[in-house]
Amino acid sequence: MELHTLGPAMTDSYAAAQIYQRNHRQTELTIVGHPSFETILTHLDGYRGQQLLIPAAFKSSALNASWGDVHYALLEQMTLRDCFMTALDPLVVVQRCDADNRIGYTHAATAQLLARIVSGVTVQTATSKYLAYRAYQENRAGYVLTNEKNVRLTPHEKIIKRLTPKMVWCVYQIN
């Protein structure tokens, strides 16, 4: 059976899928990483009989939806089968000290968190915190909220906040 979630392997979702896979060895699960949850959610018909792993903190700017919105909107297409909790890899907010802008990148689910930590930031979202870090680098943005494991600090950057949250994960059967 395939377990669909956000990829690549550097994402929290993929790491949670690996934990779920290890804890459910009685079921042969193959993890399938996708470029976004939106990709999965808008193509559910192609994944009938398979599973979806999604965080309770899911939020999508593209779909203008949160986990609760998706949960209720797709009741006929997905059935909640299991939930579990993991510690996320530590999150950090990095400031580029020589940036000439107040742009910050992160995932939609952590956009409000970044805005609370960095006042006056203009938040740009990406489909994963990993891709947010890449966009921050490519666009020489002022800030990023991402997983600490993604970060390679330069002499012109500093970590201004470190967080160690836990996450609830939901496993759905796709009908």
Protein backbone atom coordinates (compact mmCIF):
# COMPACT_ATOMS: atom_id res chain seq x y z
CA MET A 1 0.00 0.00 0.00
CA GLU A 2 1.22 3.51 -0.76
CA LEU A 3 1.35 6.22 1.89
CA HIS A 4 1.21 9.64 0.23
CA THR A 5 2.67 12.70 1.94
CA LEU A 6 4.77 15.79 1.35
CA GLY A 7 8.28 15.20 0.03
CA PRO A 8 11.20 15.36 -0.40
CA ALA A 9 12.77 13.26 2.33
CA MET A 10 13.97 16.43 4.13
CA THR A 11 10.42 17.41 5.12
CA ASP A 12 8.84 16.78 8.51
CA SER A 13 6.00 14.99 6.75
CA TYR A 14 8.31 12.48 5.08
CA ALA A 15 10.09 11.88 8.41
CA ALA A 16 6.71 11.28 10.08
CA ALA A 17 5.78 8.86 7.30
CA GLN A 18 8.98 6.92 8.00
CA ILE A 19 8.08 6.72 11.70
CA TYR A 20 4.58 5.52 10.82
CA GLN A 21 6.03 2.96 8.41
CA ARG A 22 8.40 1.61 11.09
CA ASN A 23 5.57 1.38 13.64
CA HIS A 24 3.24 -0.44 11.22
CA ARG A 25 5.50 -3.15 9.82
CA GLN A 26 2.54 -5.54 9.61
CA THR A 27 1.33 -3.45 6.67
CA GLU A 28 3.70 -3.12 3.75
CA LEU A 29 3.80 0.64 3.21
CA THR A 30 5.66 2.46 0.47
CA ILE A 31 6.12 6.18 1.10
CA VAL A 32 5.36 8.42 -1.86
CA GLY A 33 6.58 12.01 -1.49
CA HIS A 34 4.79 14.73 -3.44
CA PRO A 35 5.82 18.33 -4.19
CA SER A 36 2.83 19.64 -2.19
CA PHE A 37 -0.19 18.46 -0.24
CA GLU A 38 -2.28 20.39 -2.75
CA THR A 39 -1.03 18.01 -5.46
CA ILE A 40 -2.30 15.05 -3.47
CA LEU A 41 -5.59 16.59 -2.38
CA THR A 42 -6.55 17.69 -5.89
CA HIS A 43 -5.85 14.24 -7.36
CA LEU A 44 -7.41 11.93 -4.75
CA ASP A 45 -9.27 9.93 -7.41
CA GLY A 46 -5.91 8.62 -8.62
CA TYR A 47 -5.00 7.31 -5.15
CA ARG A 48 -8.12 5.30 -4.23
CA GLY A 49 -7.39 2.49 -1.79
CA GLN A 50 -4.15 4.14 -0.68
CA GLN A 51 -3.35 6.32 2.34
CA LEU A 52 -2.54 9.96 3.06
CA LEU A 53 -0.43 11.27 5.93
CA ILE A 54 -1.05 14.95 6.71
CA PRO A 55 -0.24 17.13 9.73
CA ALA A 56 -3.03 18.57 11.85
CA ALA A 57 -1.31 21.93 11.32
CA PHE A 58 -1.85 21.71 7.54
CA LYS A 59 -2.68 25.02 5.94
CA SER A 60 -2.79 25.89 2.27
CA SER A 61 -2.71 29.34 0.75
CA ALA A 62 -3.46 27.86 -2.68
CA LEU A 63 -6.56 26.03 -1.47
CA ASN A 64 -7.43 28.67 1.15
CA ALA A 65 -7.89 25.78 3.57
CA SER A 66 -6.66 24.38 6.86
CA TRP A 67 -6.63 20.78 8.06
CA GLY A 68 -10.14 21.17 9.49
CA ASP A 69 -11.44 22.54 6.19
CA VAL A 70 -9.95 19.60 4.28
CA HIS A 71 -11.11 17.06 6.87
CA TYR A 72 -14.76 18.11 6.60
CA ALA A 73 -14.81 18.97 2.89
CA LEU A 74 -13.45 15.55 1.89
CA LEU A 75 -15.42 13.31 4.28
CA GLU A 76 -16.70 11.18 1.40
CA GLN A 77 -13.29 10.89 -0.27
CA MET A 78 -11.14 10.19 2.80
CA THR A 79 -11.66 8.33 6.09
CA LEU A 80 -9.53 9.17 9.12
CA ARG A 81 -7.90 5.90 10.22
CA ASP A 82 -5.16 6.83 12.69
CA CYS A 83 -3.41 9.70 14.48
CA PHE A 84 -0.06 9.92 16.22
CA MET A 85 2.30 12.53 17.58
CA THR A 86 5.99 13.20 16.92
CA ALA A 87 8.51 15.84 17.83
CA LEU A 88 9.39 17.92 14.80
CA ASP A 89 12.97 18.59 13.93
CA PRO A 90 13.82 21.91 15.60
CA LEU A 91 12.58 25.00 13.79
CA VAL A 92 14.60 28.18 13.52
CA VAL A 93 14.03 31.73 12.37
CA VAL A 94 17.11 32.98 10.55
CA GLN A 95 17.82 36.63 9.86
CA ARG A 96 20.05 37.75 7.00
CA CYS A 97 21.75 40.73 8.66
CA ASP A 98 22.81 42.39 5.39
CA ALA A 99 19.41 42.07 3.65
CA ASP A 100 17.75 45.24 2.38
CA ASN A 101 14.22 43.85 2.69
CA ARG A 102 11.77 42.56 5.31
CA ILE A 103 10.67 39.54 3.29
CA GLY A 104 10.41 36.22 5.10
CA TYR A 105 9.83 32.75 3.70
CA THR A 106 8.16 29.76 5.33
CA HIS A 107 5.41 27.19 4.84
CA ALA A 108 1.79 28.41 4.99
CA ALA A 109 1.24 26.53 8.26
CA THR A 110 3.95 28.58 9.99
CA ALA A 111 3.30 31.94 8.29
CA GLN A 112 1.51 33.44 11.31
CA LEU A 113 4.25 32.17 13.60
CA LEU A 114 6.91 33.93 11.52
CA ALA A 115 4.84 37.14 11.52
CA ARG A 116 4.56 37.00 15.34
CA ILE A 117 8.30 36.48 15.78
CA VAL A 118 9.42 39.10 13.24
CA SER A 119 7.27 42.21 13.36
CA GLY A 120 6.67 43.95 10.05
CA VAL A 121 7.82 40.99 7.95
CA THR A 122 6.17 40.37 4.57
CA VAL A 123 5.62 36.62 4.54
CA GLN A 124 5.99 34.58 1.35
CA THR A 125 4.96 30.94 1.53
CA ALA A 126 6.32 27.80 -0.08
CA THR A 127 4.90 24.28 -0.21
CA SER A 128 7.44 23.08 2.39
CA LYS A 129 9.83 24.62 4.90
CA TYR A 130 12.67 23.04 2.90
CA LEU A 131 11.58 24.92 -0.25
CA ALA A 132 11.04 28.06 1.82
CA TYR A 133 14.71 27.94 2.82
CA ARG A 134 15.75 27.53 -0.82
CA ALA A 135 13.60 30.53 -1.84
CA TYR A 136 15.09 32.57 1.02
CA GLN A 137 18.57 31.79 -0.27
CA GLU A 138 17.79 32.37 -3.94
CA ASN A 139 15.97 35.66 -3.32
CA ARG A 140 18.30 36.94 -0.59
CA ALA A 141 15.33 37.51 1.70
CA GLY A 142 15.64 38.98 5.16
CA TYR A 143 14.14 36.06 7.11
CA VAL A 144 13.19 32.41 6.95
CA LEU A 145 11.42 30.02 9.30
CA THR A 146 12.56 26.51 8.47
CA ASN A 147 13.92 23.31 9.98
CA GLU A 148 17.29 23.77 11.62
CA LYS A 149 18.72 20.83 9.64
CA ASN A 150 18.17 22.80 6.41
CA VAL A 151 20.27 25.76 7.51
CA ARG A 152 23.92 26.46 6.70
CA LEU A 153 24.62 29.80 8.39
CA THR A 154 26.88 32.31 6.69
CA PRO A 155 28.76 35.04 8.54
CA HIS A 156 25.92 37.44 7.55
CA GLU A 157 23.16 35.38 9.16
CA LYS A 158 22.03 34.63 12.68
CA ILE A 159 19.38 32.49 14.35
CA ILE A 160 16.96 34.75 16.19
CA LYS A 161 14.58 32.05 17.47
CA ARG A 162 14.67 28.27 17.93
CA LEU A 163 11.52 26.22 18.55
CA THR A 164 10.99 22.53 19.36
CA PRO A 165 7.29 21.80 18.72
CA LYS A 166 5.45 18.52 18.56
CA MET A 167 3.00 17.68 15.78
CA VAL A 168 -0.11 15.57 15.45
CA TRP A 169 -0.25 13.52 12.25
CA CYS A 170 -3.40 12.13 10.66
CA VAL A 171 -3.54 9.05 8.48
CA TYR A 172 -6.45 8.81 6.05
CA GLN A 173 -7.71 5.98 3.89
CA ILE A 174 -8.46 7.42 0.45
CA ASN A 175 -11.89 6.10 -0.61
